[in-house]
Amino acid sequence: MPISMAKAGETVTIRRITGRDEVRQHLAELGFVVDSEVTVVNEMAGNLILQVKDSRVALDRGMANRILI
């Protein structure tokens, strides 16, 4: 299921990242790689704030739907 379906405060493990090579590379540069743990900090109108490693990243629903948990 996409990470956008996770609840606020939940820590999940990334299983797969979909999309074109450029999109997957961009997400990897932000820290979203397979088998890494991500915490959903907050969700507002479909947009997510995620804690990945030591930083917080905001993603829109389209990008979040590419990250499968």
C-alpha atoms as a PDB file:
ATOM      1  CA  MET A   1       0.000   0.000   0.000  1.00  0.00           C
ATOM      2  CA  PRO A   2       1.219   3.573  -0.560  1.00  0.00           C
ATOM      3  CA  ILE A   3       2.705   5.530   2.336  1.00  0.00           C
ATOM      4  CA  SER A   4      -0.120   8.059   1.969  1.00  0.00           C
ATOM      5  CA  MET A   5      -2.408   5.461   3.616  1.00  0.00           C
ATOM      6  CA  ALA A   6      -0.301   5.359   6.817  1.00  0.00           C
ATOM      7  CA  LYS A   7      -1.546   7.197   9.899  1.00  0.00           C
ATOM      8  CA  ALA A   8       0.230  10.102  11.608  1.00  0.00           C
ATOM      9  CA  GLY A   9       2.772   8.860  14.140  1.00  0.00           C
ATOM     10  CA  GLU A  10       3.194   5.494  12.424  1.00  0.00           C
ATOM     11  CA  THR A  11       6.681   4.218  11.542  1.00  0.00           C
ATOM     12  CA  VAL A  12       6.799   2.118   8.372  1.00  0.00           C
ATOM     13  CA  THR A  13       9.413   0.380   6.220  1.00  0.00           C
ATOM     14  CA  ILE A  14       9.697   1.181   2.516  1.00  0.00           C
ATOM     15  CA  ARG A  15       9.221  -1.939   0.379  1.00  0.00           C
ATOM     16  CA  ARG A  16       9.239  -0.480  -3.145  1.00  0.00           C
ATOM     17  CA  ILE A  17       9.426   2.828  -4.998  1.00  0.00           C
ATOM     18  CA  THR A  18       7.632   3.182  -8.324  1.00  0.00           C
ATOM     19  CA  GLY A  19       7.872   5.726 -11.115  1.00  0.00           C
ATOM     20  CA  ARG A  20      10.370   6.809 -13.736  1.00  0.00           C
ATOM     21  CA  ASP A  21      14.094   6.577 -13.049  1.00  0.00           C
ATOM     22  CA  GLU A  22      14.305  10.340 -12.477  1.00  0.00           C
ATOM     23  CA  VAL A  23      11.559  10.222  -9.834  1.00  0.00           C
ATOM     24  CA  ARG A  24      13.102   7.238  -8.037  1.00  0.00           C
ATOM     25  CA  GLN A  25      16.518   8.929  -8.092  1.00  0.00           C
ATOM     26  CA  HIS A  26      15.050  12.164  -6.657  1.00  0.00           C
ATOM     27  CA  LEU A  27      13.351  10.268  -3.823  1.00  0.00           C
ATOM     28  CA  ALA A  28      16.565   8.337  -3.120  1.00  0.00           C
ATOM     29  CA  GLU A  29      18.455  11.637  -2.823  1.00  0.00           C
ATOM     30  CA  LEU A  30      15.902  12.755  -0.226  1.00  0.00           C
ATOM     31  CA  GLY A  31      16.559   9.547   1.756  1.00  0.00           C
ATOM     32  CA  PHE A  32      13.668   7.375   0.594  1.00  0.00           C
ATOM     33  CA  VAL A  33      15.347   4.052  -0.190  1.00  0.00           C
ATOM     34  CA  VAL A  34      14.067   0.478   0.018  1.00  0.00           C
ATOM     35  CA  ASP A  35      14.228  -1.087   3.526  1.00  0.00           C
ATOM     36  CA  SER A  36      14.624   2.285   5.276  1.00  0.00           C
ATOM     37  CA  GLU A  37      12.260   3.311   8.063  1.00  0.00           C
ATOM     38  CA  VAL A  38      10.105   6.416   7.717  1.00  0.00           C
ATOM     39  CA  THR A  39       7.814   8.019  10.292  1.00  0.00           C
ATOM     40  CA  VAL A  40       4.677   9.859   9.239  1.00  0.00           C
ATOM     41  CA  VAL A  41       4.758  13.113  11.216  1.00  0.00           C
ATOM     42  CA  ASN A  42       1.593  14.749   9.909  1.00  0.00           C
ATOM     43  CA  GLU A  43      -0.945  14.547   7.079  1.00  0.00           C
ATOM     44  CA  MET A  44      -2.851  17.546   5.742  1.00  0.00           C
ATOM     45  CA  ALA A  45      -5.173  17.366   2.733  1.00  0.00           C
ATOM     46  CA  GLY A  46      -3.298  14.358   1.363  1.00  0.00           C
ATOM     47  CA  ASN A  47       0.124  15.957   1.679  1.00  0.00           C
ATOM     48  CA  LEU A  48       2.540  14.256   4.067  1.00  0.00           C
ATOM     49  CA  ILE A  49       5.321  15.404   6.350  1.00  0.00           C
ATOM     50  CA  LEU A  50       7.714  12.497   6.810  1.00  0.00           C
ATOM     51  CA  GLN A  51      10.653  11.965   9.157  1.00  0.00           C
ATOM     52  CA  VAL A  52      13.387  10.194   7.204  1.00  0.00           C
ATOM     53  CA  LYS A  53      16.768   9.713   8.855  1.00  0.00           C
ATOM     54  CA  ASP A  54      17.440  13.016  10.682  1.00  0.00           C
ATOM     55  CA  SER A  55      15.304  15.330   8.572  1.00  0.00           C
ATOM     56  CA  ARG A  56      11.679  16.084   7.814  1.00  0.00           C
ATOM     57  CA  VAL A  57      10.472  16.107   4.233  1.00  0.00           C
ATOM     58  CA  ALA A  58       7.111  17.256   2.854  1.00  0.00           C
ATOM     59  CA  LEU A  59       5.680  15.309  -0.087  1.00  0.00           C
ATOM     60  CA  ASP A  60       2.524  15.861  -2.076  1.00  0.00           C
ATOM     61  CA  ARG A  61       0.054  13.021  -2.534  1.00  0.00           C
ATOM     62  CA  GLY A  62       1.357  12.150  -6.022  1.00  0.00           C
ATOM     63  CA  MET A  63       4.912  11.589  -4.803  1.00  0.00           C
ATOM     64  CA  ALA A  64       3.775   9.826  -1.633  1.00  0.00           C
ATOM     65  CA  ASN A  65       1.730   7.357  -3.693  1.00  0.00           C
ATOM     66  CA  ARG A  66       4.944   6.231  -5.398  1.00  0.00           C
ATOM     67  CA  ILE A  67       6.404   5.021  -2.089  1.00  0.00           C
ATOM     68  CA  LEU A  68       4.988   1.600  -1.206  1.00  0.00           C
ATOM     69  CA  ILE A  69       5.139   0.162   2.309  1.00  0.00           C
END
